[in-house]
Full PDB file with SEQRES, HELIX, SHEET, SSBOND, CRYST1, ORIGX, SCALE, CONECT and MASTER records, all heavy atoms in Angstrom:
SEQRES   1 A   30  ALA THR VAL LEU ALA SER LEU GLY SER LYS PRO ASP ILE          
SEQRES   2 A   30  SER PHE ALA VAL ASP ASP CYS GLY PHE ALA THR THR VAL          
SEQRES   3 A   30  ALA LYS GLN PRO                                              
HELIX    1 AA1 THR A    2  SER A    6  1                                   5    
HELIX    2 AA2 LEU A    7  SER A    9  5                                   3    
HELIX    3 AA3 ALA A   23  THR A   25  5                                   3    
CRYST1    1.000    1.000    1.000  90.00  90.00  90.00 P 1           1          
ORIGX1      1.000000  0.000000  0.000000        0.00000                         
ORIGX2      0.000000  1.000000  0.000000        0.00000                         
ORIGX3      0.000000  0.000000  1.000000        0.00000                         
SCALE1      1.000000  0.000000  0.000000        0.00000                         
SCALE2      0.000000  1.000000  0.000000        0.00000                         
SCALE3      0.000000  0.000000  1.000000        0.00000                         
ATOM      1  N   ALA A   1      94.296 104.182  93.427  1.00  0.00           N  
ATOM      2  CA  ALA A   1      95.152 104.934  92.436  1.00  0.00           C  
ATOM      3  C   ALA A   1      94.705 106.397  92.410  1.00  0.00           C  
ATOM      4  O   ALA A   1      95.532 107.292  92.386  1.00  0.00           O  
ATOM      5  CB  ALA A   1      95.028 104.324  91.074  1.00  0.00           C  
ATOM      6  N   THR A   2      93.377 106.573  92.468  1.00  0.00           N  
ATOM      7  CA  THR A   2      92.964 107.979  92.447  1.00  0.00           C  
ATOM      8  C   THR A   2      93.365 108.685  93.710  1.00  0.00           C  
ATOM      9  O   THR A   2      93.668 109.964  93.579  1.00  0.00           O  
ATOM     10  CB  THR A   2      91.367 107.939  92.409  1.00  0.00           C  
ATOM     11  OG1 THR A   2      90.825 107.259  91.318  1.00  0.00           O  
ATOM     12  CG2 THR A   2      90.786 109.329  92.458  1.00  0.00           C  
ATOM     13  N   VAL A   3      93.327 108.078  94.841  1.00  0.00           N  
ATOM     14  CA  VAL A   3      93.825 108.671  96.110  1.00  0.00           C  
ATOM     15  C   VAL A   3      95.310 109.058  96.033  1.00  0.00           C  
ATOM     16  O   VAL A   3      95.670 110.164  96.294  1.00  0.00           O  
ATOM     17  CB  VAL A   3      93.477 107.720  97.302  1.00  0.00           C  
ATOM     18  CG1 VAL A   3      94.278 108.256  98.493  1.00  0.00           C  
ATOM     19  CG2 VAL A   3      92.035 107.694  97.690  1.00  0.00           C  
ATOM     20  N   LEU A   4      96.047 108.126  95.523  1.00  0.00           N  
ATOM     21  CA  LEU A   4      97.478 108.378  95.513  1.00  0.00           C  
ATOM     22  C   LEU A   4      97.788 109.396  94.395  1.00  0.00           C  
ATOM     23  O   LEU A   4      98.642 110.277  94.776  1.00  0.00           O  
ATOM     24  CB  LEU A   4      98.196 107.013  95.027  1.00  0.00           C  
ATOM     25  CG  LEU A   4      98.236 105.986  96.087  1.00  0.00           C  
ATOM     26  CD1 LEU A   4      99.023 104.687  95.494  1.00  0.00           C  
ATOM     27  CD2 LEU A   4      98.957 106.441  97.331  1.00  0.00           C  
ATOM     28  N   ALA A   5      97.176 109.419  93.357  1.00  0.00           N  
ATOM     29  CA  ALA A   5      97.352 110.496  92.288  1.00  0.00           C  
ATOM     30  C   ALA A   5      96.987 111.831  92.902  1.00  0.00           C  
ATOM     31  O   ALA A   5      97.713 112.828  92.613  1.00  0.00           O  
ATOM     32  CB  ALA A   5      96.629 110.145  91.003  1.00  0.00           C  
ATOM     33  N   SER A   6      95.907 111.862  93.657  1.00  0.00           N  
ATOM     34  CA  SER A   6      95.530 113.106  94.321  1.00  0.00           C  
ATOM     35  C   SER A   6      96.517 113.816  95.218  1.00  0.00           C  
ATOM     36  O   SER A   6      96.584 114.955  95.458  1.00  0.00           O  
ATOM     37  CB  SER A   6      94.161 113.074  94.743  1.00  0.00           C  
ATOM     38  OG  SER A   6      94.270 112.324  96.022  1.00  0.00           O  
ATOM     39  N   LEU A   7      97.314 112.901  95.804  1.00  0.00           N  
ATOM     40  CA  LEU A   7      98.272 113.464  96.869  1.00  0.00           C  
ATOM     41  C   LEU A   7      99.346 114.397  96.261  1.00  0.00           C  
ATOM     42  O   LEU A   7      99.889 115.124  97.004  1.00  0.00           O  
ATOM     43  CB  LEU A   7      98.911 112.249  97.574  1.00  0.00           C  
ATOM     44  CG  LEU A   7      97.977 111.347  98.433  1.00  0.00           C  
ATOM     45  CD1 LEU A   7      98.769 110.317  99.078  1.00  0.00           C  
ATOM     46  CD2 LEU A   7      97.112 112.097  99.407  1.00  0.00           C  
ATOM     47  N   GLY A   8      99.535 114.196  94.955  1.00  0.00           N  
ATOM     48  CA  GLY A   8     100.446 115.138  94.350  1.00  0.00           C  
ATOM     49  C   GLY A   8     100.094 116.576  94.404  1.00  0.00           C  
ATOM     50  O   GLY A   8     100.902 117.474  94.302  1.00  0.00           O  
ATOM     51  N   SER A   9      98.801 116.804  94.550  1.00  0.00           N  
ATOM     52  CA  SER A   9      98.279 118.203  94.704  1.00  0.00           C  
ATOM     53  C   SER A   9      98.315 118.662  96.132  1.00  0.00           C  
ATOM     54  O   SER A   9      97.851 119.820  96.480  1.00  0.00           O  
ATOM     55  CB  SER A   9      96.755 118.232  94.171  1.00  0.00           C  
ATOM     56  OG  SER A   9      96.774 117.889  92.809  1.00  0.00           O  
ATOM     57  N   LYS A  10      98.700 117.841  97.021  1.00  0.00           N  
ATOM     58  CA  LYS A  10      98.918 118.169  98.481  1.00  0.00           C  
ATOM     59  C   LYS A  10      97.581 118.640  99.124  1.00  0.00           C  
ATOM     60  O   LYS A  10      97.443 119.738  99.665  1.00  0.00           O  
ATOM     61  CB  LYS A  10     100.060 119.258  98.717  1.00  0.00           C  
ATOM     62  CG  LYS A  10     101.362 118.668  98.314  1.00  0.00           C  
ATOM     63  CD  LYS A  10     102.438 119.669  98.512  1.00  0.00           C  
ATOM     64  CE  LYS A  10     103.767 119.176  98.100  1.00  0.00           C  
ATOM     65  NZ  LYS A  10     104.847 120.145  98.388  1.00  0.00           N  
ATOM     66  N   PRO A  11      96.551 117.816  98.998  1.00  0.00           N  
ATOM     67  CA  PRO A  11      95.230 118.168  99.491  1.00  0.00           C  
ATOM     68  C   PRO A  11      95.216 118.344 100.957  1.00  0.00           C  
ATOM     69  O   PRO A  11      96.067 117.702 101.716  1.00  0.00           O  
ATOM     70  CB  PRO A  11      94.289 117.019  99.064  1.00  0.00           C  
ATOM     71  CG  PRO A  11      95.196 115.791  98.954  1.00  0.00           C  
ATOM     72  CD  PRO A  11      96.506 116.431  98.458  1.00  0.00           C  
ATOM     73  N   ASP A  12      94.444 119.211 101.579  1.00  0.00           N  
ATOM     74  CA  ASP A  12      94.384 119.389 102.966  1.00  0.00           C  
ATOM     75  C   ASP A  12      93.450 118.242 103.610  1.00  0.00           C  
ATOM     76  O   ASP A  12      92.303 118.447 103.831  1.00  0.00           O  
ATOM     77  CB  ASP A  12      93.672 120.657 103.310  1.00  0.00           C  
ATOM     78  CG  ASP A  12      93.597 120.971 104.807  1.00  0.00           C  
ATOM     79  OD1 ASP A  12      94.340 120.316 105.553  1.00  0.00           O  
ATOM     80  OD2 ASP A  12      92.916 121.889 105.241  1.00  0.00           O  
ATOM     81  N   ILE A  13      94.197 117.102 103.876  1.00  0.00           N  
ATOM     82  CA  ILE A  13      93.467 115.934 104.462  1.00  0.00           C  
ATOM     83  C   ILE A  13      94.252 115.521 105.635  1.00  0.00           C  
ATOM     84  O   ILE A  13      95.448 115.777 105.772  1.00  0.00           O  
ATOM     85  CB  ILE A  13      93.200 114.904 103.416  1.00  0.00           C  
ATOM     86  CG1 ILE A  13      94.584 114.367 102.914  1.00  0.00           C  
ATOM     87  CG2 ILE A  13      92.264 115.202 102.359  1.00  0.00           C  
ATOM     88  CD1 ILE A  13      94.409 113.129 101.909  1.00  0.00           C  
ATOM     89  N   SER A  14      93.556 114.657 106.447  1.00  0.00           N  
ATOM     90  CA  SER A  14      94.192 114.102 107.679  1.00  0.00           C  
ATOM     91  C   SER A  14      94.815 112.776 107.456  1.00  0.00           C  
ATOM     92  O   SER A  14      95.790 112.426 108.252  1.00  0.00           O  
ATOM     93  CB  SER A  14      93.167 114.061 108.867  1.00  0.00           C  
ATOM     94  OG  SER A  14      92.717 115.299 109.172  1.00  0.00           O  
ATOM     95  N   PHE A  15      94.327 112.054 106.590  1.00  0.00           N  
ATOM     96  CA  PHE A  15      94.865 110.689 106.238  1.00  0.00           C  
ATOM     97  C   PHE A  15      94.448 110.344 104.975  1.00  0.00           C  
ATOM     98  O   PHE A  15      93.470 110.804 104.245  1.00  0.00           O  
ATOM     99  CB  PHE A  15      94.459 109.657 107.292  1.00  0.00           C  
ATOM    100  CG  PHE A  15      93.037 109.415 107.230  1.00  0.00           C  
ATOM    101  CD1 PHE A  15      92.538 108.226 106.523  1.00  0.00           C  
ATOM    102  CD2 PHE A  15      92.080 110.111 108.041  1.00  0.00           C  
ATOM    103  CE1 PHE A  15      91.144 107.977 106.526  1.00  0.00           C  
ATOM    104  CE2 PHE A  15      90.797 109.703 108.011  1.00  0.00           C  
ATOM    105  CZ  PHE A  15      90.279 108.740 107.244  1.00  0.00           C  
ATOM    106  N   ALA A  16      95.145 109.271 104.351  1.00  0.00           N  
ATOM    107  CA  ALA A  16      94.808 108.584 103.060  1.00  0.00           C  
ATOM    108  C   ALA A  16      95.110 107.151 103.202  1.00  0.00           C  
ATOM    109  O   ALA A  16      96.057 106.644 103.616  1.00  0.00           O  
ATOM    110  CB  ALA A  16      95.607 109.344 101.913  1.00  0.00           C  
ATOM    111  N   VAL A  17      94.063 106.438 102.688  1.00  0.00           N  
ATOM    112  CA  VAL A  17      94.125 104.886 102.721  1.00  0.00           C  
ATOM    113  C   VAL A  17      94.052 104.461 101.327  1.00  0.00           C  
ATOM    114  O   VAL A  17      93.181 104.749 100.508  1.00  0.00           O  
ATOM    115  CB  VAL A  17      92.967 104.335 103.464  1.00  0.00           C  
ATOM    116  CG1 VAL A  17      93.129 102.828 103.455  1.00  0.00           C  
ATOM    117  CG2 VAL A  17      93.121 104.693 104.942  1.00  0.00           C  
ATOM    118  N   ASP A  18      95.091 103.617 100.782  1.00  0.00           N  
ATOM    119  CA  ASP A  18      95.087 103.098  99.489  1.00  0.00           C  
ATOM    120  C   ASP A  18      94.919 101.605  99.663  1.00  0.00           C  
ATOM    121  O   ASP A  18      95.874 101.008 100.149  1.00  0.00           O  
ATOM    122  CB  ASP A  18      96.431 103.457  98.759  1.00  0.00           C  
ATOM    123  CG  ASP A  18      96.680 102.509  97.495  1.00  0.00           C  
ATOM    124  OD1 ASP A  18      95.589 102.078  96.839  1.00  0.00           O  
ATOM    125  OD2 ASP A  18      97.727 102.246  97.288  1.00  0.00           O  
ATOM    126  N   ASP A  19      93.810 101.060  99.220  1.00  0.00           N  
ATOM    127  CA  ASP A  19      93.650  99.575  99.310  1.00  0.00           C  
ATOM    128  C   ASP A  19      93.807  99.009  97.948  1.00  0.00           C  
ATOM    129  O   ASP A  19      92.925  99.166  97.013  1.00  0.00           O  
ATOM    130  CB  ASP A  19      92.158  99.265  99.788  1.00  0.00           C  
ATOM    131  CG  ASP A  19      91.861  97.824  99.959  1.00  0.00           C  
ATOM    132  OD1 ASP A  19      92.725  97.080  99.509  1.00  0.00           O  
ATOM    133  OD2 ASP A  19      90.899  97.533 100.548  1.00  0.00           O  
ATOM    134  N   CYS A  20      94.933  98.286  97.689  1.00  0.00           N  
ATOM    135  CA  CYS A  20      95.256  97.705  96.379  1.00  0.00           C  
ATOM    136  C   CYS A  20      95.183  98.566  95.211  1.00  0.00           C  
ATOM    137  O   CYS A  20      94.619  98.158  94.251  1.00  0.00           O  
ATOM    138  CB  CYS A  20      94.518  96.400  96.235  1.00  0.00           C  
ATOM    139  SG  CYS A  20      92.611  96.542  96.151  1.00  0.00           S  
ATOM    140  N   GLY A  21      95.641  99.823  95.294  1.00  0.00           N  
ATOM    141  CA  GLY A  21      95.759 100.683  94.210  1.00  0.00           C  
ATOM    142  C   GLY A  21      96.778 100.110  93.177  1.00  0.00           C  
ATOM    143  O   GLY A  21      97.583  99.265  93.468  1.00  0.00           O  
ATOM    144  N   PHE A  22      96.802 100.585  91.946  1.00  0.00           N  
ATOM    145  CA  PHE A  22      97.660 100.129  90.865  1.00  0.00           C  
ATOM    146  C   PHE A  22      99.094 100.336  91.239  1.00  0.00           C  
ATOM    147  O   PHE A  22      99.523 101.510  91.545  1.00  0.00           O  
ATOM    148  CB  PHE A  22      97.300 100.780  89.567  1.00  0.00           C  
ATOM    149  CG  PHE A  22      95.838 100.713  89.238  1.00  0.00           C  
ATOM    150  CD1 PHE A  22      95.269 101.770  88.576  1.00  0.00           C  
ATOM    151  CD2 PHE A  22      95.116  99.639  89.492  1.00  0.00           C  
ATOM    152  CE1 PHE A  22      93.828 101.792  88.349  1.00  0.00           C  
ATOM    153  CE2 PHE A  22      93.677  99.515  89.085  1.00  0.00           C  
ATOM    154  CZ  PHE A  22      93.171 100.738  88.594  1.00  0.00           C  
ATOM    155  N   ALA A  23      99.866  99.241  91.151  1.00  0.00           N  
ATOM    156  CA  ALA A  23     101.303  99.382  91.546  1.00  0.00           C  
ATOM    157  C   ALA A  23     102.075 100.385  90.755  1.00  0.00           C  
ATOM    158  O   ALA A  23     102.893 101.149  91.217  1.00  0.00           O  
ATOM    159  CB  ALA A  23     102.002  98.063  91.478  1.00  0.00           C  
ATOM    160  N   THR A  24     101.792 100.498  89.388  1.00  0.00           N  
ATOM    161  CA  THR A  24     102.589 101.325  88.585  1.00  0.00           C  
ATOM    162  C   THR A  24     102.261 102.872  88.691  1.00  0.00           C  
ATOM    163  O   THR A  24     102.935 103.675  88.041  1.00  0.00           O  
ATOM    164  CB  THR A  24     102.380 100.956  87.088  1.00  0.00           C  
ATOM    165  OG1 THR A  24     100.961 101.007  86.809  1.00  0.00           O  
ATOM    166  CG2 THR A  24     102.981  99.675  86.867  1.00  0.00           C  
ATOM    167  N   THR A  25     101.244 103.048  89.478  1.00  0.00           N  
ATOM    168  CA  THR A  25     100.948 104.590  89.702  1.00  0.00           C  
ATOM    169  C   THR A  25     102.164 105.272  90.296  1.00  0.00           C  
ATOM    170  O   THR A  25     102.425 106.398  89.937  1.00  0.00           O  
ATOM    171  CB  THR A  25      99.653 104.733  90.597  1.00  0.00           C  
ATOM    172  OG1 THR A  25      98.659 103.995  89.954  1.00  0.00           O  
ATOM    173  CG2 THR A  25      99.302 106.115  90.828  1.00  0.00           C  
ATOM    174  N   VAL A  26     102.741 104.696  91.181  1.00  0.00           N  
ATOM    175  CA  VAL A  26     103.883 105.311  91.966  1.00  0.00           C  
ATOM    176  C   VAL A  26     105.146 104.524  91.976  1.00  0.00           C  
ATOM    177  O   VAL A  26     106.122 104.805  92.791  1.00  0.00           O  
ATOM    178  CB  VAL A  26     103.436 105.663  93.365  1.00  0.00           C  
ATOM    179  CG1 VAL A  26     102.322 106.832  93.314  1.00  0.00           C  
ATOM    180  CG2 VAL A  26     103.047 104.497  94.172  1.00  0.00           C  
ATOM    181  N   ALA A  27     105.230 103.323  91.259  1.00  0.00           N  
ATOM    182  CA  ALA A  27     106.286 102.398  91.495  1.00  0.00           C  
ATOM    183  C   ALA A  27     107.580 102.968  90.950  1.00  0.00           C  
ATOM    184  O   ALA A  27     108.620 102.426  91.365  1.00  0.00           O  
ATOM    185  CB  ALA A  27     105.940 101.125  90.683  1.00  0.00           C  
ATOM    186  N   LYS A  28     107.615 104.054  90.142  1.00  0.00           N  
ATOM    187  CA  LYS A  28     108.847 104.519  89.428  1.00  0.00           C  
ATOM    188  C   LYS A  28     109.591 105.347  90.333  1.00  0.00           C  
ATOM    189  O   LYS A  28     110.758 105.832  90.108  1.00  0.00           O  
ATOM    190  CB  LYS A  28     108.518 105.217  88.154  1.00  0.00           C  
ATOM    191  CG  LYS A  28     107.987 104.261  87.083  1.00  0.00           C  
ATOM    192  CD  LYS A  28     107.783 104.914  85.766  1.00  0.00           C  
ATOM    193  CE  LYS A  28     107.220 103.886  84.663  1.00  0.00           C  
ATOM    194  NZ  LYS A  28     106.953 104.624  83.415  1.00  0.00           N  
ATOM    195  N   GLN A  29     109.010 105.818  91.548  1.00  0.00           N  
ATOM    196  CA  GLN A  29     109.627 106.644  92.475  1.00  0.00           C  
ATOM    197  C   GLN A  29     109.152 106.498  93.852  1.00  0.00           C  
ATOM    198  O   GLN A  29     107.964 105.967  94.001  1.00  0.00           O  
ATOM    199  CB  GLN A  29     109.582 108.171  92.001  1.00  0.00           C  
ATOM    200  CG  GLN A  29     108.085 108.586  91.771  1.00  0.00           C  
ATOM    201  CD  GLN A  29     108.081 109.956  91.295  1.00  0.00           C  
ATOM    202  OE1 GLN A  29     108.925 110.888  91.578  1.00  0.00           O  
ATOM    203  NE2 GLN A  29     107.169 110.274  90.392  1.00  0.00           N  
ATOM    204  N   PRO A  30     109.839 106.786  94.878  1.00  0.00           N  
ATOM    205  CA  PRO A  30     109.454 106.584  96.229  1.00  0.00           C  
ATOM    206  C   PRO A  30     108.128 107.414  96.445  1.00  0.00           C  
ATOM    207  O   PRO A  30     107.902 108.461  95.853  1.00  0.00           O  
ATOM    208  CB  PRO A  30     110.576 107.170  97.101  1.00  0.00           C  
ATOM    209  CG  PRO A  30     111.787 107.029  96.156  1.00  0.00           C  
ATOM    210  CD  PRO A  30     111.349 107.284  94.765  1.00  0.00           C  
TER     211      PRO A  30                                                      
MASTER        0    0    0    3    0    0    0    6  210    1    0    3          
END                                                                             
Protein backbone atom coordinates (compact mmCIF):
# COMPACT_ATOMS: atom_id res chain seq x y z
CA ALA A 1 0.00 0.00 0.00
CA THR A 2 2.92 2.32 0.77
CA VAL A 3 4.43 1.68 -2.66
CA LEU A 4 1.13 2.29 -4.46
CA ALA A 5 0.41 5.46 -2.49
CA SER A 6 3.89 6.80 -3.28
CA LEU A 7 3.31 6.42 -7.03
CA GLY A 8 0.94 9.37 -6.90
CA SER A 9 4.05 11.54 -6.43
CA LYS A 10 5.52 10.09 -9.66
CA PRO A 11 8.86 9.06 -8.14
CA ASP A 12 11.82 8.51 -10.44
CA ILE A 13 11.91 4.71 -10.26
CA SER A 14 12.32 1.92 -12.79
CA PHE A 15 9.68 -0.46 -11.40
CA ALA A 16 7.27 -1.02 -8.52
CA VAL A 17 6.11 -4.31 -7.03
CA ASP A 18 3.00 -4.47 -4.84
CA ASP A 19 2.65 -7.82 -3.05
CA CYS A 20 -0.87 -8.04 -1.52
CA GLY A 21 -1.25 -4.34 -0.75
CA PHE A 22 -4.61 -3.20 0.62
CA ALA A 23 -7.31 -3.39 -2.04
CA THR A 24 -9.10 -0.22 -0.96
CA THR A 25 -5.98 1.88 -1.48
CA VAL A 26 -6.71 2.23 -5.19
CA ALA A 27 -9.92 0.26 -5.72
CA LYS A 28 -12.07 3.36 -6.26
CA GLN A 29 -10.32 4.30 -9.49
CA PRO A 30 -8.16 2.67 -12.16
